[in-house]
Amino acid sequence: MQPDAESWFAARTSSVTDWSRDRLLEHKGATRVSVVLPALDEESTVGRIVASVRASLGEGVPEARRLVDELVVVDSGSTDRTAEVARAAGARVVAREDVLPDLPVVPGKGEAMWRGLAATEGDVVVYVDADLQSFTPSYVTGLLGPLLTDPAVQLVKAVYERPLVEGSTVVSAGGGRVTELVARPLLNLLWPDLAGLVQPLAGEYAARRTLLESLPFPCGYGVELALLVDTYEAHGLDAIAQVDLGVRVHRHHDEPRLGRMSAEILRTA
């Protein structure tokens, strides 16, 4: 029997503080973990994220304490120094057109994500947006928690507060406008069992490779909604979990861009 949204929320929502490194290491075993950063013109933030993951979870710690086995940045056609900065920080950088090069490029976030999947080997893949200003290694450990400790979980989405930061002005919970105005109403209407997902469009999430390789990836912004709904329809609500990571600060988009994102979400749904 599938849980309803309320009982699912109580059973499958946790906090980043629930997932200590020691607890995860007890369960990791031979599981290999890949972290993938889809990146487009993110030279100001990508290096710090890469360096933080490597120093705290990857090659910067003894192998017995290591949670991340592979760190890849997928350069999605950047015109700035994104690739150079990421490489200098220690990431393996791949250009989107160099992964499965016989397939034509269709620009978009989903494109970078599925090519990132093809370029990695981990049993569990953690996706992190490269524009994060608030990133800490706990983003990765939090998302890994349910997957490493519960074989029934296939997909873990992030939960966070999203303030709107414009210069010196901060509007608490003012971010996530497409989520609140488009994505969540759509889920409530069409897939009400998913109403407990606080951030259905979160760019930070983790999943099993076996799941990701079984799902289609829309090439644009609709990829977040598609992977969530397809996971639910293939494996049920109990295969999804969410983890509160605290606060997320990132680069915001203008209204025309938000309008285009909203149209992609509607088309995907």
C-alpha atoms as a PDB file:
ATOM      1  CA  MET A   1       0.000   0.000   0.000  1.00  0.00           C
ATOM      2  CA  GLN A   2       1.413   3.363  -1.031  1.00  0.00           C
ATOM      3  CA  PRO A   3       1.681   6.102   1.623  1.00  0.00           C
ATOM      4  CA  ASP A   4      -0.286   9.325   1.176  1.00  0.00           C
ATOM      5  CA  ALA A   5       1.507  12.675   0.993  1.00  0.00           C
ATOM      6  CA  GLU A   6       1.181  13.370   4.722  1.00  0.00           C
ATOM      7  CA  SER A   7       2.459  10.022   5.964  1.00  0.00           C
ATOM      8  CA  TRP A   8       5.195  10.048   3.317  1.00  0.00           C
ATOM      9  CA  PHE A   9       6.364  13.455   4.520  1.00  0.00           C
ATOM     10  CA  ALA A  10       6.684  12.217   8.089  1.00  0.00           C
ATOM     11  CA  ALA A  11       8.550   9.048   7.094  1.00  0.00           C
ATOM     12  CA  ARG A  12      10.751  10.293   4.264  1.00  0.00           C
ATOM     13  CA  THR A  13      11.788  13.813   5.327  1.00  0.00           C
ATOM     14  CA  SER A  14      14.997  14.231   7.289  1.00  0.00           C
ATOM     15  CA  SER A  15      17.571  16.888   8.162  1.00  0.00           C
ATOM     16  CA  VAL A  16      21.166  17.160   7.065  1.00  0.00           C
ATOM     17  CA  THR A  17      22.111  16.857  10.736  1.00  0.00           C
ATOM     18  CA  ASP A  18      20.746  13.293  10.745  1.00  0.00           C
ATOM     19  CA  TRP A  19      23.504  12.129   8.393  1.00  0.00           C
ATOM     20  CA  SER A  20      26.941  12.218   9.966  1.00  0.00           C
ATOM     21  CA  ARG A  21      30.014  11.148   8.021  1.00  0.00           C
ATOM     22  CA  ASP A  22      30.569   8.215  10.394  1.00  0.00           C
ATOM     23  CA  ARG A  23      27.033   6.957   9.858  1.00  0.00           C
ATOM     24  CA  LEU A  24      27.378   7.152   6.094  1.00  0.00           C
ATOM     25  CA  LEU A  25      30.781   5.456   6.089  1.00  0.00           C
ATOM     26  CA  GLU A  26      29.287   2.538   8.024  1.00  0.00           C
ATOM     27  CA  HIS A  27      26.859   1.945   5.151  1.00  0.00           C
ATOM     28  CA  LYS A  28      28.878   2.982   2.091  1.00  0.00           C
ATOM     29  CA  GLY A  29      30.796  -0.263   1.652  1.00  0.00           C
ATOM     30  CA  ALA A  30      31.729  -0.785  -1.996  1.00  0.00           C
ATOM     31  CA  THR A  31      29.203   1.773  -3.267  1.00  0.00           C
ATOM     32  CA  ARG A  32      30.885   4.315  -5.521  1.00  0.00           C
ATOM     33  CA  VAL A  33      29.683   7.926  -5.399  1.00  0.00           C
ATOM     34  CA  SER A  34      29.959  10.409  -8.262  1.00  0.00           C
ATOM     35  CA  VAL A  35      29.291  14.142  -7.880  1.00  0.00           C
ATOM     36  CA  VAL A  36      28.286  15.922 -11.102  1.00  0.00           C
ATOM     37  CA  LEU A  37      28.142  19.694 -11.542  1.00  0.00           C
ATOM     38  CA  PRO A  38      26.362  20.855 -14.733  1.00  0.00           C
ATOM     39  CA  ALA A  39      27.899  24.270 -15.394  1.00  0.00           C
ATOM     40  CA  LEU A  40      27.264  27.164 -17.766  1.00  0.00           C
ATOM     41  CA  ASP A  41      29.266  30.358 -17.194  1.00  0.00           C
ATOM     42  CA  GLU A  42      29.815  29.779 -13.469  1.00  0.00           C
ATOM     43  CA  GLU A  43      33.458  30.820 -13.100  1.00  0.00           C
ATOM     44  CA  SER A  44      32.729  32.811  -9.920  1.00  0.00           C
ATOM     45  CA  THR A  45      31.352  29.860  -7.932  1.00  0.00           C
ATOM     46  CA  VAL A  46      32.331  26.519  -9.473  1.00  0.00           C
ATOM     47  CA  GLY A  47      35.911  26.514  -8.179  1.00  0.00           C
ATOM     48  CA  ARG A  48      34.941  26.921  -4.549  1.00  0.00           C
ATOM     49  CA  ILE A  49      32.368  24.122  -4.775  1.00  0.00           C
ATOM     50  CA  VAL A  50      34.860  21.743  -6.390  1.00  0.00           C
ATOM     51  CA  ALA A  51      37.609  22.572  -3.889  1.00  0.00           C
ATOM     52  CA  SER A  52      35.219  22.124  -0.967  1.00  0.00           C
ATOM     53  CA  VAL A  53      34.048  18.682  -2.113  1.00  0.00           C
ATOM     54  CA  ARG A  54      37.586  17.465  -2.787  1.00  0.00           C
ATOM     55  CA  ALA A  55      39.006  18.765   0.493  1.00  0.00           C
ATOM     56  CA  SER A  56      36.230  17.483   2.750  1.00  0.00           C
ATOM     57  CA  LEU A  57      34.816  14.390   1.045  1.00  0.00           C
ATOM     58  CA  GLY A  58      37.152  13.365  -1.770  1.00  0.00           C
ATOM     59  CA  GLU A  59      40.864  13.182  -2.437  1.00  0.00           C
ATOM     60  CA  GLY A  60      41.688  15.555   0.400  1.00  0.00           C
ATOM     61  CA  VAL A  61      40.794  13.000   3.080  1.00  0.00           C
ATOM     62  CA  PRO A  62      42.228   9.517   3.739  1.00  0.00           C
ATOM     63  CA  GLU A  63      40.674   6.843   1.548  1.00  0.00           C
ATOM     64  CA  ALA A  64      39.007   5.151   4.527  1.00  0.00           C
ATOM     65  CA  ARG A  65      37.152   8.418   5.280  1.00  0.00           C
ATOM     66  CA  ARG A  66      36.301   9.275   1.674  1.00  0.00           C
ATOM     67  CA  LEU A  67      32.653   9.534   0.604  1.00  0.00           C
ATOM     68  CA  VAL A  68      33.090  10.921  -2.925  1.00  0.00           C
ATOM     69  CA  ASP A  69      34.947   8.758  -5.438  1.00  0.00           C
ATOM     70  CA  GLU A  70      34.512  10.894  -8.549  1.00  0.00           C
ATOM     71  CA  LEU A  71      33.925  14.602  -9.195  1.00  0.00           C
ATOM     72  CA  VAL A  72      33.007  15.782 -12.701  1.00  0.00           C
ATOM     73  CA  VAL A  73      32.069  19.206 -14.051  1.00  0.00           C
ATOM     74  CA  VAL A  74      30.130  19.150 -17.313  1.00  0.00           C
ATOM     75  CA  ASP A  75      30.830  22.366 -19.200  1.00  0.00           C
ATOM     76  CA  SER A  76      27.617  23.136 -21.046  1.00  0.00           C
ATOM     77  CA  GLY A  77      29.043  25.590 -23.585  1.00  0.00           C
ATOM     78  CA  SER A  78      30.497  28.236 -21.253  1.00  0.00           C
ATOM     79  CA  THR A  79      32.004  31.377 -22.748  1.00  0.00           C
ATOM     80  CA  ASP A  80      33.849  32.351 -19.564  1.00  0.00           C
ATOM     81  CA  ARG A  81      36.601  30.564 -17.562  1.00  0.00           C
ATOM     82  CA  THR A  82      34.313  27.958 -15.994  1.00  0.00           C
ATOM     83  CA  ALA A  83      36.236  24.965 -17.339  1.00  0.00           C
ATOM     84  CA  GLU A  84      39.642  26.444 -16.480  1.00  0.00           C
ATOM     85  CA  VAL A  85      38.598  27.361 -12.927  1.00  0.00           C
ATOM     86  CA  ALA A  86      36.987  23.975 -12.274  1.00  0.00           C
ATOM     87  CA  ARG A  87      40.026  22.113 -13.592  1.00  0.00           C
ATOM     88  CA  ALA A  88      42.390  24.210 -11.480  1.00  0.00           C
ATOM     89  CA  ALA A  89      40.310  23.375  -8.400  1.00  0.00           C
ATOM     90  CA  GLY A  90      40.748  19.656  -9.077  1.00  0.00           C
ATOM     91  CA  ALA A  91      37.657  18.560 -10.998  1.00  0.00           C
ATOM     92  CA  ARG A  92      37.651  16.380 -14.078  1.00  0.00           C
ATOM     93  CA  VAL A  93      36.061  18.662 -16.660  1.00  0.00           C
ATOM     94  CA  VAL A  94      34.254  17.314 -19.696  1.00  0.00           C
ATOM     95  CA  ALA A  95      32.668  19.351 -22.463  1.00  0.00           C
ATOM     96  CA  ARG A  96      29.111  18.284 -23.241  1.00  0.00           C
ATOM     97  CA  GLU A  97      29.931  17.671 -26.912  1.00  0.00           C
ATOM     98  CA  ASP A  98      32.769  15.300 -25.999  1.00  0.00           C
ATOM     99  CA  VAL A  99      30.464  12.836 -24.210  1.00  0.00           C
ATOM    100  CA  LEU A 100      28.841  10.445 -26.684  1.00  0.00           C
ATOM    101  CA  PRO A 101      29.959  12.797 -29.479  1.00  0.00           C
ATOM    102  CA  ASP A 102      27.971  10.999 -32.171  1.00  0.00           C
ATOM    103  CA  LEU A 103      24.772  12.403 -30.620  1.00  0.00           C
ATOM    104  CA  PRO A 104      23.960  16.020 -31.521  1.00  0.00           C
ATOM    105  CA  VAL A 105      23.954  18.619 -28.749  1.00  0.00           C
ATOM    106  CA  VAL A 106      20.621  20.062 -27.616  1.00  0.00           C
ATOM    107  CA  PRO A 107      21.451  22.955 -25.251  1.00  0.00           C
ATOM    108  CA  GLY A 108      19.904  22.852 -21.785  1.00  0.00           C
ATOM    109  CA  LYS A 109      20.439  21.708 -18.231  1.00  0.00           C
ATOM    110  CA  GLY A 110      19.003  18.248 -18.776  1.00  0.00           C
ATOM    111  CA  GLU A 111      21.458  17.774 -21.635  1.00  0.00           C
ATOM    112  CA  ALA A 112      24.413  18.442 -19.335  1.00  0.00           C
ATOM    113  CA  MET A 113      22.957  16.125 -16.706  1.00  0.00           C
ATOM    114  CA  TRP A 114      22.485  13.044 -18.870  1.00  0.00           C
ATOM    115  CA  ARG A 115      25.873  13.522 -20.497  1.00  0.00           C
ATOM    116  CA  GLY A 116      27.315  13.840 -16.992  1.00  0.00           C
ATOM    117  CA  LEU A 117      25.685  10.530 -16.132  1.00  0.00           C
ATOM    118  CA  ALA A 118      27.283   8.960 -19.206  1.00  0.00           C
ATOM    119  CA  ALA A 119      30.689  10.402 -18.262  1.00  0.00           C
ATOM    120  CA  THR A 120      30.725   8.923 -14.748  1.00  0.00           C
ATOM    121  CA  GLU A 121      30.734   5.468 -13.194  1.00  0.00           C
ATOM    122  CA  GLY A 122      29.362   5.866  -9.659  1.00  0.00           C
ATOM    123  CA  ASP A 123      26.591   3.630  -8.326  1.00  0.00           C
ATOM    124  CA  VAL A 124      25.065   6.774  -6.792  1.00  0.00           C
ATOM    125  CA  VAL A 125      25.136  10.134  -8.592  1.00  0.00           C
ATOM    126  CA  VAL A 126      24.810  13.443  -6.746  1.00  0.00           C
ATOM    127  CA  TYR A 127      23.889  16.499  -8.823  1.00  0.00           C
ATOM    128  CA  VAL A 128      24.877  19.949  -7.525  1.00  0.00           C
ATOM    129  CA  ASP A 129      24.169  23.238  -9.300  1.00  0.00           C
ATOM    130  CA  ALA A 130      27.390  25.126 -10.044  1.00  0.00           C
ATOM    131  CA  ASP A 131      25.981  28.589  -9.215  1.00  0.00           C
ATOM    132  CA  LEU A 132      25.576  27.977  -5.477  1.00  0.00           C
ATOM    133  CA  GLN A 133      26.895  30.693  -3.200  1.00  0.00           C
ATOM    134  CA  SER A 134      25.870  28.838  -0.045  1.00  0.00           C
ATOM    135  CA  PHE A 135      27.390  25.424  -0.787  1.00  0.00           C
ATOM    136  CA  THR A 136      28.876  23.327   1.993  1.00  0.00           C
ATOM    137  CA  PRO A 137      29.954  19.651   1.864  1.00  0.00           C
ATOM    138  CA  SER A 138      26.923  18.826   4.017  1.00  0.00           C
ATOM    139  CA  TYR A 139      24.792  19.269   0.883  1.00  0.00           C
ATOM    140  CA  VAL A 140      26.396  16.100  -0.466  1.00  0.00           C
ATOM    141  CA  THR A 141      26.375  14.112   2.776  1.00  0.00           C
ATOM    142  CA  GLY A 142      22.739  14.991   3.401  1.00  0.00           C
ATOM    143  CA  LEU A 143      21.620  13.809  -0.032  1.00  0.00           C
ATOM    144  CA  LEU A 144      23.625  10.592   0.281  1.00  0.00           C
ATOM    145  CA  GLY A 145      22.107   9.654   3.636  1.00  0.00           C
ATOM    146  CA  PRO A 146      18.812   8.012   2.631  1.00  0.00           C
ATOM    147  CA  LEU A 147      20.374   6.285  -0.399  1.00  0.00           C
ATOM    148  CA  LEU A 148      23.255   4.712   1.508  1.00  0.00           C
ATOM    149  CA  THR A 149      21.118   3.569   4.421  1.00  0.00           C
ATOM    150  CA  ASP A 150      17.864   2.431   2.791  1.00  0.00           C
ATOM    151  CA  PRO A 151      17.852   0.249  -0.352  1.00  0.00           C
ATOM    152  CA  ALA A 152      14.200   1.148  -1.034  1.00  0.00           C
ATOM    153  CA  VAL A 153      15.097   4.803  -1.717  1.00  0.00           C
ATOM    154  CA  GLN A 154      15.856   5.606  -5.361  1.00  0.00           C
ATOM    155  CA  LEU A 155      15.840   9.422  -5.464  1.00  0.00           C
ATOM    156  CA  VAL A 156      16.597  12.067  -2.816  1.00  0.00           C
ATOM    157  CA  LYS A 157      15.632  15.707  -3.313  1.00  0.00           C
ATOM    158  CA  ALA A 158      16.936  18.702  -1.377  1.00  0.00           C
ATOM    159  CA  VAL A 159      14.780  20.918   0.816  1.00  0.00           C
ATOM    160  CA  TYR A 160      15.954  24.405   1.754  1.00  0.00           C
ATOM    161  CA  GLU A 161      14.894  27.959   2.417  1.00  0.00           C
ATOM    162  CA  ARG A 162      15.471  30.086  -0.682  1.00  0.00           C
ATOM    163  CA  PRO A 163      15.886  33.797   0.117  1.00  0.00           C
ATOM    164  CA  LEU A 164      15.796  36.292  -2.739  1.00  0.00           C
ATOM    165  CA  VAL A 165      19.075  38.227  -2.602  1.00  0.00           C
ATOM    166  CA  GLU A 166      19.375  41.363  -4.744  1.00  0.00           C
ATOM    167  CA  GLY A 167      22.376  43.464  -3.770  1.00  0.00           C
ATOM    168  CA  SER A 168      22.000  44.365  -0.116  1.00  0.00           C
ATOM    169  CA  THR A 169      18.296  43.416  -0.094  1.00  0.00           C
ATOM    170  CA  VAL A 170      17.318  39.991   1.228  1.00  0.00           C
ATOM    171  CA  VAL A 171      13.729  38.748   1.025  1.00  0.00           C
ATOM    172  CA  SER A 172      13.291  35.692   3.209  1.00  0.00           C
ATOM    173  CA  ALA A 173      11.723  32.796   1.250  1.00  0.00           C
ATOM    174  CA  GLY A 174      11.460  35.109  -1.776  1.00  0.00           C
ATOM    175  CA  GLY A 175      13.268  32.724  -4.108  1.00  0.00           C
ATOM    176  CA  GLY A 176      11.820  29.719  -5.868  1.00  0.00           C
ATOM    177  CA  ARG A 177       9.158  31.672  -7.743  1.00  0.00           C
ATOM    178  CA  VAL A 178       8.740  29.097 -10.521  1.00  0.00           C
ATOM    179  CA  THR A 179       8.436  26.383  -7.876  1.00  0.00           C
ATOM    180  CA  GLU A 180       5.658  28.101  -5.956  1.00  0.00           C
ATOM    181  CA  LEU A 181       3.720  29.551  -8.904  1.00  0.00           C
ATOM    182  CA  VAL A 182       4.032  26.697 -11.398  1.00  0.00           C
ATOM    183  CA  ALA A 183       5.603  23.431 -10.247  1.00  0.00           C
ATOM    184  CA  ARG A 184       3.868  22.844  -6.925  1.00  0.00           C
ATOM    185  CA  PRO A 185       0.381  23.777  -8.205  1.00  0.00           C
ATOM    186  CA  LEU A 186       0.921  21.368 -11.116  1.00  0.00           C
ATOM    187  CA  LEU A 187       1.911  18.544  -8.774  1.00  0.00           C
ATOM    188  CA  ASN A 188      -1.032  19.245  -6.487  1.00  0.00           C
ATOM    189  CA  LEU A 189      -3.360  19.069  -9.471  1.00  0.00           C
ATOM    190  CA  LEU A 190      -1.923  16.190 -11.495  1.00  0.00           C
ATOM    191  CA  TRP A 191       0.135  14.129  -9.014  1.00  0.00           C
ATOM    192  CA  PRO A 192      -1.282  14.951  -5.568  1.00  0.00           C
ATOM    193  CA  ASP A 193       0.736  12.185  -3.909  1.00  0.00           C
ATOM    194  CA  LEU A 194       3.798  14.364  -4.587  1.00  0.00           C
ATOM    195  CA  ALA A 195       2.352  17.371  -2.750  1.00  0.00           C
ATOM    196  CA  GLY A 196       4.742  16.755   0.158  1.00  0.00           C
ATOM    197  CA  LEU A 197       7.781  17.602  -1.981  1.00  0.00           C
ATOM    198  CA  VAL A 198       8.862  21.010  -0.721  1.00  0.00           C
ATOM    199  CA  GLN A 199      11.327  21.749  -3.531  1.00  0.00           C
ATOM    200  CA  PRO A 200      10.356  19.620  -6.542  1.00  0.00           C
ATOM    201  CA  LEU A 201      12.644  21.666  -8.812  1.00  0.00           C
ATOM    202  CA  ALA A 202      15.660  21.487  -6.514  1.00  0.00           C
ATOM    203  CA  GLY A 203      18.886  21.287  -8.502  1.00  0.00           C
ATOM    204  CA  GLU A 204      20.562  19.388  -5.702  1.00  0.00           C
ATOM    205  CA  TYR A 205      19.568  15.736  -5.592  1.00  0.00           C
ATOM    206  CA  ALA A 206      20.991  12.244  -5.649  1.00  0.00           C
ATOM    207  CA  ALA A 207      19.835   9.012  -7.251  1.00  0.00           C
ATOM    208  CA  ARG A 208      20.906   5.490  -8.015  1.00  0.00           C
ATOM    209  CA  ARG A 209      22.530   5.003 -11.402  1.00  0.00           C
ATOM    210  CA  THR A 210      20.179   2.114 -12.139  1.00  0.00           C
ATOM    211  CA  LEU A 211      17.254   4.521 -11.790  1.00  0.00           C
ATOM    212  CA  LEU A 212      18.768   7.329 -13.844  1.00  0.00           C
ATOM    213  CA  GLU A 213      19.752   5.028 -16.679  1.00  0.00           C
ATOM    214  CA  SER A 214      16.154   3.817 -16.911  1.00  0.00           C
ATOM    215  CA  LEU A 215      14.577   7.282 -17.281  1.00  0.00           C
ATOM    216  CA  PRO A 216      14.375   9.760 -20.173  1.00  0.00           C
ATOM    217  CA  PHE A 217      16.018  13.157 -19.590  1.00  0.00           C
ATOM    218  CA  PRO A 218      14.299  16.200 -21.110  1.00  0.00           C
ATOM    219  CA  CYS A 219      17.160  18.395 -22.290  1.00  0.00           C
ATOM    220  CA  GLY A 220      15.901  21.652 -20.780  1.00  0.00           C
ATOM    221  CA  TYR A 221      14.750  23.011 -17.441  1.00  0.00           C
ATOM    222  CA  GLY A 222      11.877  20.521 -17.221  1.00  0.00           C
ATOM    223  CA  VAL A 223      14.306  17.736 -16.326  1.00  0.00           C
ATOM    224  CA  GLU A 224      13.801  18.200 -12.569  1.00  0.00           C
ATOM    225  CA  LEU A 225      10.036  17.691 -12.741  1.00  0.00           C
ATOM    226  CA  ALA A 226      10.324  14.838 -15.231  1.00  0.00           C
ATOM    227  CA  LEU A 227      12.776  12.770 -13.180  1.00  0.00           C
ATOM    228  CA  LEU A 228      10.653  13.231 -10.067  1.00  0.00           C
ATOM    229  CA  VAL A 229       7.359  12.230 -11.686  1.00  0.00           C
ATOM    230  CA  ASP A 230       8.874   9.350 -13.654  1.00  0.00           C
ATOM    231  CA  THR A 231      10.510   7.960 -10.501  1.00  0.00           C
ATOM    232  CA  TYR A 232       7.172   8.121  -8.717  1.00  0.00           C
ATOM    233  CA  GLU A 233       5.328   6.407 -11.566  1.00  0.00           C
ATOM    234  CA  ALA A 234       7.968   3.676 -11.938  1.00  0.00           C
ATOM    235  CA  HIS A 235       8.729   2.944  -8.287  1.00  0.00           C
ATOM    236  CA  GLY A 236       6.072   4.590  -6.128  1.00  0.00           C
ATOM    237  CA  LEU A 237       6.128   7.394  -3.602  1.00  0.00           C
ATOM    238  CA  ASP A 238       8.152   5.497  -1.026  1.00  0.00           C
ATOM    239  CA  ALA A 239      11.139   5.392  -3.405  1.00  0.00           C
ATOM    240  CA  ILE A 240      11.549   9.180  -2.973  1.00  0.00           C
ATOM    241  CA  ALA A 241      12.986  11.001   0.054  1.00  0.00           C
ATOM    242  CA  GLN A 242      13.878  14.595   0.839  1.00  0.00           C
ATOM    243  CA  VAL A 243      16.509  16.139   3.114  1.00  0.00           C
ATOM    244  CA  ASP A 244      16.508  19.640   4.597  1.00  0.00           C
ATOM    245  CA  LEU A 245      19.872  21.220   3.743  1.00  0.00           C
ATOM    246  CA  GLY A 246      19.202  24.580   5.388  1.00  0.00           C
ATOM    247  CA  VAL A 247      19.530  27.697   3.201  1.00  0.00           C
ATOM    248  CA  ARG A 248      20.265  27.920  -0.531  1.00  0.00           C
ATOM    249  CA  VAL A 249      21.643  31.127  -2.053  1.00  0.00           C
ATOM    250  CA  HIS A 250      22.399  31.251  -5.767  1.00  0.00           C
ATOM    251  CA  ARG A 251      22.295  33.472  -8.841  1.00  0.00           C
ATOM    252  CA  HIS A 252      18.732  34.608  -9.587  1.00  0.00           C
ATOM    253  CA  HIS A 253      17.140  34.995 -13.011  1.00  0.00           C
ATOM    254  CA  ASP A 254      15.148  37.871 -14.453  1.00  0.00           C
ATOM    255  CA  GLU A 255      11.434  37.654 -15.237  1.00  0.00           C
ATOM    256  CA  PRO A 256      11.764  36.807 -18.972  1.00  0.00           C
ATOM    257  CA  ARG A 257      14.044  33.874 -18.082  1.00  0.00           C
ATOM    258  CA  LEU A 258      11.641  32.753 -15.352  1.00  0.00           C
ATOM    259  CA  GLY A 259       8.831  32.883 -17.905  1.00  0.00           C
ATOM    260  CA  ARG A 260      10.739  30.606 -20.258  1.00  0.00           C
ATOM    261  CA  MET A 261      11.462  28.220 -17.384  1.00  0.00           C
ATOM    262  CA  SER A 262       7.785  28.148 -16.468  1.00  0.00           C
ATOM    263  CA  ALA A 263       6.841  27.329 -20.052  1.00  0.00           C
ATOM    264  CA  GLU A 264       9.289  24.391 -20.054  1.00  0.00           C
ATOM    265  CA  ILE A 265       7.804  23.077 -16.805  1.00  0.00           C
ATOM    266  CA  LEU A 266       4.284  23.271 -18.238  1.00  0.00           C
ATOM    267  CA  ARG A 267       5.334  21.551 -21.448  1.00  0.00           C
ATOM    268  CA  THR A 268       7.122  18.804 -19.526  1.00  0.00           C
ATOM    269  CA  ALA A 269       4.103  18.182 -17.298  1.00  0.00           C
END
